[in-house]
Amino acid sequence: MTTRRGPSKATRRKQEAAKGGGDTWILRLYVAGQTPKAIAAFKNLTVICDEQLEGKYSIEVIDLLEHPQLARDHQILAVPTLVRELPEPVRNIIGDLSDTERVLVGLDLR
């Protein structure tokens, strides 16, 4: 699992995706370290995205142990939390993302 720095890259990707017609999904996965749940959530999300979005997605992993202020700034109350930034509207899913059907419904892919 790769941890990337805060929102500056995500903001740029969001702006680029908006310019490009909105066919790129921008997803943020908030975790607190490399716990088993965080690793499972990342793996589950990657599988779902590969199957459903065919490379038209970007996943940013944000470790709240490294950037604790982002939990408050982005109103993250539990980890792991997945946030779909684009396409709008923004949607949040909490948990390890192992219930594929729930994740597909939550992301509005079903």
C-alpha atoms as a PDB file:
ATOM      1  CA  MET A   1       0.000   0.000   0.000  1.00  0.00           C
ATOM      2  CA  THR A   2       1.410   3.367  -0.997  1.00  0.00           C
ATOM      3  CA  THR A   3       0.743   6.447   1.059  1.00  0.00           C
ATOM      4  CA  ARG A   4       0.633   9.714  -0.786  1.00  0.00           C
ATOM      5  CA  ARG A   5       0.783  13.218   0.589  1.00  0.00           C
ATOM      6  CA  GLY A   6      -2.272  15.387   1.227  1.00  0.00           C
ATOM      7  CA  PRO A   7      -4.761  17.041  -1.035  1.00  0.00           C
ATOM      8  CA  SER A   8      -2.589  19.147  -3.355  1.00  0.00           C
ATOM      9  CA  LYS A   9      -2.157  16.367  -5.928  1.00  0.00           C
ATOM     10  CA  ALA A  10      -5.771  15.322  -5.489  1.00  0.00           C
ATOM     11  CA  THR A  11      -6.953  18.853  -6.066  1.00  0.00           C
ATOM     12  CA  ARG A  12      -4.972  19.009  -9.292  1.00  0.00           C
ATOM     13  CA  ARG A  13      -6.321  15.630 -10.414  1.00  0.00           C
ATOM     14  CA  LYS A  14      -9.845  16.758  -9.598  1.00  0.00           C
ATOM     15  CA  GLN A  15      -9.425  19.899 -11.701  1.00  0.00           C
ATOM     16  CA  GLU A  16      -7.900  17.918 -14.573  1.00  0.00           C
ATOM     17  CA  ALA A  17     -10.692  15.344 -14.439  1.00  0.00           C
ATOM     18  CA  ALA A  18     -13.322  18.090 -14.465  1.00  0.00           C
ATOM     19  CA  LYS A  19     -11.717  19.583 -17.574  1.00  0.00           C
ATOM     20  CA  GLY A  20     -11.513  16.188 -19.259  1.00  0.00           C
ATOM     21  CA  GLY A  21     -15.247  15.536 -19.229  1.00  0.00           C
ATOM     22  CA  GLY A  22     -15.503  13.868 -15.830  1.00  0.00           C
ATOM     23  CA  ASP A  23     -14.849  10.270 -16.901  1.00  0.00           C
ATOM     24  CA  THR A  24     -12.063   9.825 -14.317  1.00  0.00           C
ATOM     25  CA  TRP A  25     -13.075   8.745 -10.833  1.00  0.00           C
ATOM     26  CA  ILE A  26     -11.174  10.424  -7.996  1.00  0.00           C
ATOM     27  CA  LEU A  27     -11.172   8.284  -4.839  1.00  0.00           C
ATOM     28  CA  ARG A  28      -9.538   8.965  -1.470  1.00  0.00           C
ATOM     29  CA  LEU A  29      -8.975   6.219   1.062  1.00  0.00           C
ATOM     30  CA  TYR A  30      -8.365   7.513   4.588  1.00  0.00           C
ATOM     31  CA  VAL A  31      -6.505   5.079   6.862  1.00  0.00           C
ATOM     32  CA  ALA A  32      -4.624   5.171  10.173  1.00  0.00           C
ATOM     33  CA  GLY A  33      -1.411   3.291   9.461  1.00  0.00           C
ATOM     34  CA  GLN A  34      -0.956   0.031   7.624  1.00  0.00           C
ATOM     35  CA  THR A  35      -3.373  -2.001   9.696  1.00  0.00           C
ATOM     36  CA  PRO A  36      -4.925  -5.225   8.400  1.00  0.00           C
ATOM     37  CA  LYS A  37      -8.215  -3.372   7.772  1.00  0.00           C
ATOM     38  CA  ALA A  38      -6.453  -0.591   5.862  1.00  0.00           C
ATOM     39  CA  ILE A  39      -4.558  -3.074   3.698  1.00  0.00           C
ATOM     40  CA  ALA A  40      -7.738  -5.075   3.057  1.00  0.00           C
ATOM     41  CA  ALA A  41      -9.654  -1.914   2.151  1.00  0.00           C
ATOM     42  CA  PHE A  42      -6.990  -0.889  -0.363  1.00  0.00           C
ATOM     43  CA  LYS A  43      -6.886  -4.361  -1.950  1.00  0.00           C
ATOM     44  CA  ASN A  44     -10.683  -4.610  -2.090  1.00  0.00           C
ATOM     45  CA  LEU A  45     -10.968  -1.140  -3.597  1.00  0.00           C
ATOM     46  CA  THR A  46      -8.329  -1.884  -6.221  1.00  0.00           C
ATOM     47  CA  VAL A  47     -10.118  -5.075  -7.296  1.00  0.00           C
ATOM     48  CA  ILE A  48     -13.476  -3.289  -7.530  1.00  0.00           C
ATOM     49  CA  CYS A  49     -12.006  -0.379  -9.495  1.00  0.00           C
ATOM     50  CA  ASP A  50     -10.116  -2.660 -11.897  1.00  0.00           C
ATOM     51  CA  GLU A  51     -13.302  -4.614 -12.616  1.00  0.00           C
ATOM     52  CA  GLN A  52     -15.772  -1.729 -12.741  1.00  0.00           C
ATOM     53  CA  LEU A  53     -13.851   1.358 -13.842  1.00  0.00           C
ATOM     54  CA  GLU A  54     -11.283  -0.163 -16.225  1.00  0.00           C
ATOM     55  CA  GLY A  55      -8.394   2.166 -15.397  1.00  0.00           C
ATOM     56  CA  LYS A  56     -10.495   5.341 -15.319  1.00  0.00           C
ATOM     57  CA  TYR A  57      -9.801   6.026 -11.675  1.00  0.00           C
ATOM     58  CA  SER A  58      -7.269   7.498  -9.290  1.00  0.00           C
ATOM     59  CA  ILE A  59      -6.859   6.293  -5.705  1.00  0.00           C
ATOM     60  CA  GLU A  60      -5.153   8.497  -3.152  1.00  0.00           C
ATOM     61  CA  VAL A  61      -4.354   6.863   0.183  1.00  0.00           C
ATOM     62  CA  ILE A  62      -4.158   9.337   3.051  1.00  0.00           C
ATOM     63  CA  ASP A  63      -2.620   8.108   6.286  1.00  0.00           C
ATOM     64  CA  LEU A  64      -4.154  10.093   9.128  1.00  0.00           C
ATOM     65  CA  LEU A  65      -1.293   9.124  11.436  1.00  0.00           C
ATOM     66  CA  GLU A  66       0.975  11.193   9.192  1.00  0.00           C
ATOM     67  CA  HIS A  67      -1.598  13.944   8.539  1.00  0.00           C
ATOM     68  CA  PRO A  68      -3.942  14.029  11.571  1.00  0.00           C
ATOM     69  CA  GLN A  69      -5.273  17.492  10.748  1.00  0.00           C
ATOM     70  CA  LEU A  70      -6.915  16.073   7.610  1.00  0.00           C
ATOM     71  CA  ALA A  71      -9.281  13.980   9.750  1.00  0.00           C
ATOM     72  CA  ARG A  72     -10.814  17.141  11.149  1.00  0.00           C
ATOM     73  CA  ASP A  73     -10.551  19.137   7.918  1.00  0.00           C
ATOM     74  CA  HIS A  74     -12.303  16.414   5.881  1.00  0.00           C
ATOM     75  CA  GLN A  75     -14.672  15.287   8.665  1.00  0.00           C
ATOM     76  CA  ILE A  76     -13.353  11.720   8.827  1.00  0.00           C
ATOM     77  CA  LEU A  77     -14.804  10.029  11.915  1.00  0.00           C
ATOM     78  CA  ALA A  78     -13.764   6.406  11.312  1.00  0.00           C
ATOM     79  CA  VAL A  79     -11.105   4.556   9.350  1.00  0.00           C
ATOM     80  CA  PRO A  80     -10.815   3.192   6.818  1.00  0.00           C
ATOM     81  CA  THR A  81     -13.102   5.621   5.002  1.00  0.00           C
ATOM     82  CA  LEU A  82     -13.433   5.821   1.239  1.00  0.00           C
ATOM     83  CA  VAL A  83     -14.466   9.174  -0.244  1.00  0.00           C
ATOM     84  CA  ARG A  84     -15.585   9.458  -3.852  1.00  0.00           C
ATOM     85  CA  GLU A  85     -14.599  12.995  -4.870  1.00  0.00           C
ATOM     86  CA  LEU A  86     -15.518  12.677  -8.550  1.00  0.00           C
ATOM     87  CA  PRO A  87     -17.910  12.156 -10.136  1.00  0.00           C
ATOM     88  CA  GLU A  88     -20.067  14.301  -7.926  1.00  0.00           C
ATOM     89  CA  PRO A  89     -21.890  14.072  -5.599  1.00  0.00           C
ATOM     90  CA  VAL A  90     -19.290  13.206  -2.973  1.00  0.00           C
ATOM     91  CA  ARG A  91     -19.972   9.855  -1.284  1.00  0.00           C
ATOM     92  CA  ASN A  92     -18.409   8.218   1.785  1.00  0.00           C
ATOM     93  CA  ILE A  93     -18.110   4.515   2.602  1.00  0.00           C
ATOM     94  CA  ILE A  94     -16.712   3.341   5.938  1.00  0.00           C
ATOM     95  CA  GLY A  95     -15.094  -0.053   6.463  1.00  0.00           C
ATOM     96  CA  ASP A  96     -12.748  -2.519   4.801  1.00  0.00           C
ATOM     97  CA  LEU A  97     -14.830  -2.563   1.581  1.00  0.00           C
ATOM     98  CA  SER A  98     -15.179  -6.361   1.713  1.00  0.00           C
ATOM     99  CA  ASP A  99     -18.925  -6.233   0.973  1.00  0.00           C
ATOM    100  CA  THR A 100     -18.602  -5.669  -2.764  1.00  0.00           C
ATOM    101  CA  GLU A 101     -22.318  -5.143  -3.371  1.00  0.00           C
ATOM    102  CA  ARG A 102     -22.486  -2.482  -0.641  1.00  0.00           C
ATOM    103  CA  VAL A 103     -19.471  -0.713  -2.134  1.00  0.00           C
ATOM    104  CA  LEU A 104     -20.942  -0.805  -5.657  1.00  0.00           C
ATOM    105  CA  VAL A 105     -24.201   0.677  -4.381  1.00  0.00           C
ATOM    106  CA  GLY A 106     -22.343   3.237  -2.252  1.00  0.00           C
ATOM    107  CA  LEU A 107     -20.248   4.360  -5.216  1.00  0.00           C
ATOM    108  CA  ASP A 108     -23.379   4.412  -7.393  1.00  0.00           C
ATOM    109  CA  LEU A 109     -21.989   1.769  -9.733  1.00  0.00           C
ATOM    110  CA  ARG A 110     -25.160  -0.356  -9.329  1.00  0.00           C
END
